[in-house]
Amino acid sequence: MTQRPYVVDEMISAKAIAARIEALAHQIEQEFADTEKLVVVGLLRGSFVFIADLVRELDLPVEVDFLEASSYGDKMESSREVRILKDLRGGIEGRDVLVVEDIIDTGFTMSHVIHMLEKRGPRKLKVIALLDKPTRREVEIRADWTGFEIPDEFVVGYGIDYAQRNRNLPYIGKVRFT
């Protein structure tokens, strides 16, 4: 697949992301103050940087697990067909669970994941998304916490990719084709 040439314009700085994660961590600590252990479930691959920074800010006992779901592949548009590529290693029945997502766009992936996890009987299930594009929503879903609401732009950086590129950028950037 040949990619069109593009540049990335910074949208949200690394400093702004760090400050927002610190604030969100305090809110999550309050919500889960009574937990024995919080199971933090990262949705791969886009959330890996976010989850790493978030768990370091949480003053709670945490266990980290990962789930990989895909509805994009190497494309810029969701296929609306959600596939689970990697499931959780551990059980969540009766446990406190925080799902960590990089971006909620159409809502198909998050809706599918939430319904799947709810069937497993967690004590409490909450969602945090670094980015939210509410203007793109096609499925009624809302994160309990959101880092930043963004316009309908294709973004990369801070773990988020375009065809497996730009995950290593320390900021969130908007893709602009040249």
C-alpha atoms as a PDB file:
ATOM      1  CA  MET A   1       0.000   0.000   0.000  1.00  0.00           C
ATOM      2  CA  THR A   2       1.504   3.304  -1.057  1.00  0.00           C
ATOM      3  CA  GLN A   3       0.842   6.187   1.300  1.00  0.00           C
ATOM      4  CA  ARG A   4       0.241   9.722   0.243  1.00  0.00           C
ATOM      5  CA  PRO A   5       2.896  12.133   1.534  1.00  0.00           C
ATOM      6  CA  TYR A   6       1.853  13.981   4.665  1.00  0.00           C
ATOM      7  CA  VAL A   7       3.092  16.159   7.494  1.00  0.00           C
ATOM      8  CA  VAL A   8       2.025  16.184  11.120  1.00  0.00           C
ATOM      9  CA  ASP A   9       1.031  19.466  12.778  1.00  0.00           C
ATOM     10  CA  GLU A  10       1.143  19.504  16.582  1.00  0.00           C
ATOM     11  CA  MET A  11      -2.336  19.721  18.105  1.00  0.00           C
ATOM     12  CA  ILE A  12      -1.849  18.826  21.795  1.00  0.00           C
ATOM     13  CA  SER A  13       1.569  19.215  23.386  1.00  0.00           C
ATOM     14  CA  ALA A  14       3.334  16.595  25.478  1.00  0.00           C
ATOM     15  CA  LYS A  15       3.188  19.006  28.431  1.00  0.00           C
ATOM     16  CA  ALA A  16      -0.602  19.438  28.094  1.00  0.00           C
ATOM     17  CA  ILE A  17      -1.060  15.653  27.893  1.00  0.00           C
ATOM     18  CA  ALA A  18       1.012  15.076  31.047  1.00  0.00           C
ATOM     19  CA  ALA A  19      -0.923  17.708  33.012  1.00  0.00           C
ATOM     20  CA  ARG A  20      -4.265  16.273  31.916  1.00  0.00           C
ATOM     21  CA  ILE A  21      -3.258  12.707  32.841  1.00  0.00           C
ATOM     22  CA  GLU A  22      -2.243  13.852  36.317  1.00  0.00           C
ATOM     23  CA  ALA A  23      -5.663  15.484  36.829  1.00  0.00           C
ATOM     24  CA  LEU A  24      -7.518  12.440  35.471  1.00  0.00           C
ATOM     25  CA  ALA A  25      -5.538  10.094  37.737  1.00  0.00           C
ATOM     26  CA  HIS A  26      -6.775  11.992  40.815  1.00  0.00           C
ATOM     27  CA  GLN A  27     -10.392  11.598  39.655  1.00  0.00           C
ATOM     28  CA  ILE A  28      -9.898   7.881  39.024  1.00  0.00           C
ATOM     29  CA  GLU A  29      -8.334   7.451  42.476  1.00  0.00           C
ATOM     30  CA  GLN A  30     -11.457   8.952  44.039  1.00  0.00           C
ATOM     31  CA  GLU A  31     -13.778   6.693  42.016  1.00  0.00           C
ATOM     32  CA  PHE A  32     -11.835   3.544  42.912  1.00  0.00           C
ATOM     33  CA  ALA A  33     -10.699   4.525  46.427  1.00  0.00           C
ATOM     34  CA  ASP A  34     -12.208   1.348  47.917  1.00  0.00           C
ATOM     35  CA  THR A  35     -10.737  -1.100  45.402  1.00  0.00           C
ATOM     36  CA  GLU A  36      -8.642  -4.090  46.418  1.00  0.00           C
ATOM     37  CA  LYS A  37      -6.920  -3.913  43.044  1.00  0.00           C
ATOM     38  CA  LEU A  38      -7.861  -2.034  39.901  1.00  0.00           C
ATOM     39  CA  VAL A  39      -7.593  -4.015  36.665  1.00  0.00           C
ATOM     40  CA  VAL A  40      -6.436  -1.484  34.080  1.00  0.00           C
ATOM     41  CA  VAL A  41      -7.231  -2.818  30.612  1.00  0.00           C
ATOM     42  CA  GLY A  42      -5.385  -1.130  27.779  1.00  0.00           C
ATOM     43  CA  LEU A  43      -6.792  -1.371  24.282  1.00  0.00           C
ATOM     44  CA  LEU A  44      -3.868  -2.136  22.039  1.00  0.00           C
ATOM     45  CA  ARG A  45      -2.111  -0.789  20.272  1.00  0.00           C
ATOM     46  CA  GLY A  46      -2.942   2.890  20.387  1.00  0.00           C
ATOM     47  CA  SER A  47      -3.310   3.161  24.165  1.00  0.00           C
ATOM     48  CA  PHE A  48       0.065   1.734  25.218  1.00  0.00           C
ATOM     49  CA  VAL A  49       1.769   5.093  25.849  1.00  0.00           C
ATOM     50  CA  PHE A  50      -1.322   6.522  27.567  1.00  0.00           C
ATOM     51  CA  ILE A  51      -1.751   3.486  29.830  1.00  0.00           C
ATOM     52  CA  ALA A  52       1.932   3.555  30.838  1.00  0.00           C
ATOM     53  CA  ASP A  53       1.753   7.213  31.849  1.00  0.00           C
ATOM     54  CA  LEU A  54      -1.655   6.821  33.512  1.00  0.00           C
ATOM     55  CA  VAL A  55      -0.765   3.855  35.745  1.00  0.00           C
ATOM     56  CA  ARG A  56       2.398   5.631  36.921  1.00  0.00           C
ATOM     57  CA  GLU A  57       0.183   8.483  38.141  1.00  0.00           C
ATOM     58  CA  LEU A  58      -2.337   6.249  39.956  1.00  0.00           C
ATOM     59  CA  ASP A  59      -1.845   5.859  43.689  1.00  0.00           C
ATOM     60  CA  LEU A  60      -3.827   2.605  43.746  1.00  0.00           C
ATOM     61  CA  PRO A  61      -2.962  -1.080  43.597  1.00  0.00           C
ATOM     62  CA  VAL A  62      -3.194  -1.909  39.884  1.00  0.00           C
ATOM     63  CA  GLU A  63      -2.979  -4.901  37.614  1.00  0.00           C
ATOM     64  CA  VAL A  64      -2.464  -4.255  33.911  1.00  0.00           C
ATOM     65  CA  ASP A  65      -3.913  -6.383  31.147  1.00  0.00           C
ATOM     66  CA  PHE A  66      -4.414  -5.796  27.444  1.00  0.00           C
ATOM     67  CA  LEU A  67      -7.072  -6.383  24.852  1.00  0.00           C
ATOM     68  CA  GLU A  68      -6.516  -5.834  21.149  1.00  0.00           C
ATOM     69  CA  ALA A  69      -9.492  -4.928  19.018  1.00  0.00           C
ATOM     70  CA  SER A  70      -9.397  -3.676  15.461  1.00  0.00           C
ATOM     71  CA  SER A  71     -11.806  -1.902  13.175  1.00  0.00           C
ATOM     72  CA  TYR A  72      -9.290   0.155  11.179  1.00  0.00           C
ATOM     73  CA  GLY A  73      -6.347  -1.945   9.995  1.00  0.00           C
ATOM     74  CA  ASP A  74      -4.115   0.423   7.993  1.00  0.00           C
ATOM     75  CA  LYS A  75      -7.005   2.593   6.836  1.00  0.00           C
ATOM     76  CA  MET A  76      -8.139   6.018   7.992  1.00  0.00           C
ATOM     77  CA  GLU A  77     -11.825   4.997   8.174  1.00  0.00           C
ATOM     78  CA  SER A  78     -13.409   2.429  10.502  1.00  0.00           C
ATOM     79  CA  SER A  79     -14.686  -0.726   8.819  1.00  0.00           C
ATOM     80  CA  ARG A  80     -17.369  -0.889  11.567  1.00  0.00           C
ATOM     81  CA  GLU A  81     -16.463  -4.546  11.931  1.00  0.00           C
ATOM     82  CA  VAL A  82     -14.789  -5.077  15.292  1.00  0.00           C
ATOM     83  CA  ARG A  83     -12.425  -8.010  15.623  1.00  0.00           C
ATOM     84  CA  ILE A  84     -10.822  -9.111  18.892  1.00  0.00           C
ATOM     85  CA  LEU A  85      -7.206  -9.929  18.049  1.00  0.00           C
ATOM     86  CA  LYS A  86      -6.010 -10.482  21.652  1.00  0.00           C
ATOM     87  CA  ASP A  87      -8.203 -11.169  24.668  1.00  0.00           C
ATOM     88  CA  LEU A  88      -7.495 -10.578  28.366  1.00  0.00           C
ATOM     89  CA  ARG A  89      -5.214 -13.050  30.120  1.00  0.00           C
ATOM     90  CA  GLY A  90      -7.011 -12.810  33.450  1.00  0.00           C
ATOM     91  CA  GLY A  91     -10.608 -12.908  34.634  1.00  0.00           C
ATOM     92  CA  ILE A  92     -12.510  -9.788  35.697  1.00  0.00           C
ATOM     93  CA  GLU A  93     -15.569 -11.263  37.418  1.00  0.00           C
ATOM     94  CA  GLY A  94     -16.296  -9.292  40.597  1.00  0.00           C
ATOM     95  CA  ARG A  95     -13.342  -6.981  39.999  1.00  0.00           C
ATOM     96  CA  ASP A  96     -12.935  -3.243  39.420  1.00  0.00           C
ATOM     97  CA  VAL A  97     -11.997  -2.553  35.797  1.00  0.00           C
ATOM     98  CA  LEU A  98     -10.823   0.578  34.012  1.00  0.00           C
ATOM     99  CA  VAL A  99     -10.716   0.338  30.217  1.00  0.00           C
ATOM    100  CA  VAL A 100      -8.123   2.672  28.687  1.00  0.00           C
ATOM    101  CA  GLU A 101      -8.725   3.743  25.082  1.00  0.00           C
ATOM    102  CA  ASP A 102      -6.661   6.083  22.925  1.00  0.00           C
ATOM    103  CA  ILE A 103      -9.566   7.602  20.974  1.00  0.00           C
ATOM    104  CA  ILE A 104     -13.318   7.183  20.741  1.00  0.00           C
ATOM    105  CA  ASP A 105     -14.394   7.928  17.200  1.00  0.00           C
ATOM    106  CA  THR A 106     -17.467   6.205  15.721  1.00  0.00           C
ATOM    107  CA  GLY A 107     -17.931   4.299  18.983  1.00  0.00           C
ATOM    108  CA  PHE A 108     -18.155   0.851  17.377  1.00  0.00           C
ATOM    109  CA  THR A 109     -14.979  -0.558  18.937  1.00  0.00           C
ATOM    110  CA  MET A 110     -15.654   0.777  22.439  1.00  0.00           C
ATOM    111  CA  SER A 111     -19.303  -0.314  22.364  1.00  0.00           C
ATOM    112  CA  HIS A 112     -18.288  -3.830  21.347  1.00  0.00           C
ATOM    113  CA  VAL A 113     -15.579  -4.045  24.017  1.00  0.00           C
ATOM    114  CA  ILE A 114     -17.845  -2.716  26.805  1.00  0.00           C
ATOM    115  CA  HIS A 115     -20.642  -5.181  25.986  1.00  0.00           C
ATOM    116  CA  MET A 116     -18.141  -8.040  25.869  1.00  0.00           C
ATOM    117  CA  LEU A 117     -16.577  -7.102  29.226  1.00  0.00           C
ATOM    118  CA  GLU A 118     -19.927  -6.454  30.958  1.00  0.00           C
ATOM    119  CA  LYS A 119     -20.899 -10.079  30.223  1.00  0.00           C
ATOM    120  CA  ARG A 120     -17.890 -11.160  32.319  1.00  0.00           C
ATOM    121  CA  GLY A 121     -19.411  -9.689  35.484  1.00  0.00           C
ATOM    122  CA  PRO A 122     -17.009  -7.014  36.748  1.00  0.00           C
ATOM    123  CA  ARG A 123     -17.922  -5.297  40.037  1.00  0.00           C
ATOM    124  CA  LYS A 124     -17.380  -1.898  38.417  1.00  0.00           C
ATOM    125  CA  LEU A 125     -16.496  -1.070  34.806  1.00  0.00           C
ATOM    126  CA  LYS A 126     -15.387   2.425  33.787  1.00  0.00           C
ATOM    127  CA  VAL A 127     -13.817   3.870  30.633  1.00  0.00           C
ATOM    128  CA  ILE A 128     -11.201   6.530  30.088  1.00  0.00           C
ATOM    129  CA  ALA A 129     -10.304   7.831  26.639  1.00  0.00           C
ATOM    130  CA  LEU A 130      -7.408  10.135  25.896  1.00  0.00           C
ATOM    131  CA  LEU A 131      -9.235  11.637  22.917  1.00  0.00           C
ATOM    132  CA  ASP A 132     -12.890  11.920  21.944  1.00  0.00           C
ATOM    133  CA  LYS A 133     -14.365  12.886  18.571  1.00  0.00           C
ATOM    134  CA  PRO A 134     -18.070  13.281  19.418  1.00  0.00           C
ATOM    135  CA  THR A 135     -18.948  14.634  15.954  1.00  0.00           C
ATOM    136  CA  ARG A 136     -18.014  11.223  14.467  1.00  0.00           C
ATOM    137  CA  ARG A 137     -20.123   9.158  16.857  1.00  0.00           C
ATOM    138  CA  GLU A 138     -22.387   6.565  15.249  1.00  0.00           C
ATOM    139  CA  VAL A 139     -22.971   4.450  18.369  1.00  0.00           C
ATOM    140  CA  GLU A 140     -24.200   5.905  21.671  1.00  0.00           C
ATOM    141  CA  ILE A 141     -21.151   5.548  23.918  1.00  0.00           C
ATOM    142  CA  ARG A 142     -19.404   7.925  26.275  1.00  0.00           C
ATOM    143  CA  ALA A 143     -16.245   7.576  28.328  1.00  0.00           C
ATOM    144  CA  ASP A 144     -16.428   8.215  32.060  1.00  0.00           C
ATOM    145  CA  TRP A 145     -13.312  10.377  31.699  1.00  0.00           C
ATOM    146  CA  THR A 146     -11.916  12.082  28.618  1.00  0.00           C
ATOM    147  CA  GLY A 147      -8.543  13.715  28.201  1.00  0.00           C
ATOM    148  CA  PHE A 148      -9.339  15.964  25.267  1.00  0.00           C
ATOM    149  CA  GLU A 149     -12.279  16.483  22.937  1.00  0.00           C
ATOM    150  CA  ILE A 150     -10.996  17.025  19.412  1.00  0.00           C
ATOM    151  CA  PRO A 151     -12.534  17.945  16.051  1.00  0.00           C
ATOM    152  CA  ASP A 152     -12.905  15.481  13.197  1.00  0.00           C
ATOM    153  CA  GLU A 153      -9.227  15.326  12.269  1.00  0.00           C
ATOM    154  CA  PHE A 154      -7.037  12.297  11.645  1.00  0.00           C
ATOM    155  CA  VAL A 155      -4.480  12.317  14.455  1.00  0.00           C
ATOM    156  CA  VAL A 156      -1.265  10.499  15.289  1.00  0.00           C
ATOM    157  CA  GLY A 157       1.330  10.482  18.047  1.00  0.00           C
ATOM    158  CA  TYR A 158       1.471   9.500  21.686  1.00  0.00           C
ATOM    159  CA  GLY A 159       0.874   5.862  20.713  1.00  0.00           C
ATOM    160  CA  ILE A 160      -1.643   6.543  17.944  1.00  0.00           C
ATOM    161  CA  ASP A 161      -0.557   5.573  14.440  1.00  0.00           C
ATOM    162  CA  TYR A 162      -1.293   5.939  10.782  1.00  0.00           C
ATOM    163  CA  ALA A 163      -0.376   2.641   9.081  1.00  0.00           C
ATOM    164  CA  GLN A 164       2.006   1.825  11.973  1.00  0.00           C
ATOM    165  CA  ARG A 165       3.848   5.159  11.756  1.00  0.00           C
ATOM    166  CA  ASN A 166       4.148   8.124  14.144  1.00  0.00           C
ATOM    167  CA  ARG A 167       3.310   6.250  17.392  1.00  0.00           C
ATOM    168  CA  ASN A 168       6.574   7.571  18.860  1.00  0.00           C
ATOM    169  CA  LEU A 169       5.689  11.272  18.653  1.00  0.00           C
ATOM    170  CA  PRO A 170       5.513  12.734  22.190  1.00  0.00           C
ATOM    171  CA  TYR A 171       2.471  14.882  21.270  1.00  0.00           C
ATOM    172  CA  ILE A 172      -0.848  14.483  19.441  1.00  0.00           C
ATOM    173  CA  GLY A 173      -0.596  15.766  15.899  1.00  0.00           C
ATOM    174  CA  LYS A 174      -2.993  16.306  13.038  1.00  0.00           C
ATOM    175  CA  VAL A 175      -2.181  14.562   9.752  1.00  0.00           C
ATOM    176  CA  ARG A 176      -2.126  16.979   6.815  1.00  0.00           C
ATOM    177  CA  PHE A 177      -1.645  15.509   3.344  1.00  0.00           C
ATOM    178  CA  THR A 178       0.738  17.398   1.060  1.00  0.00           C
END
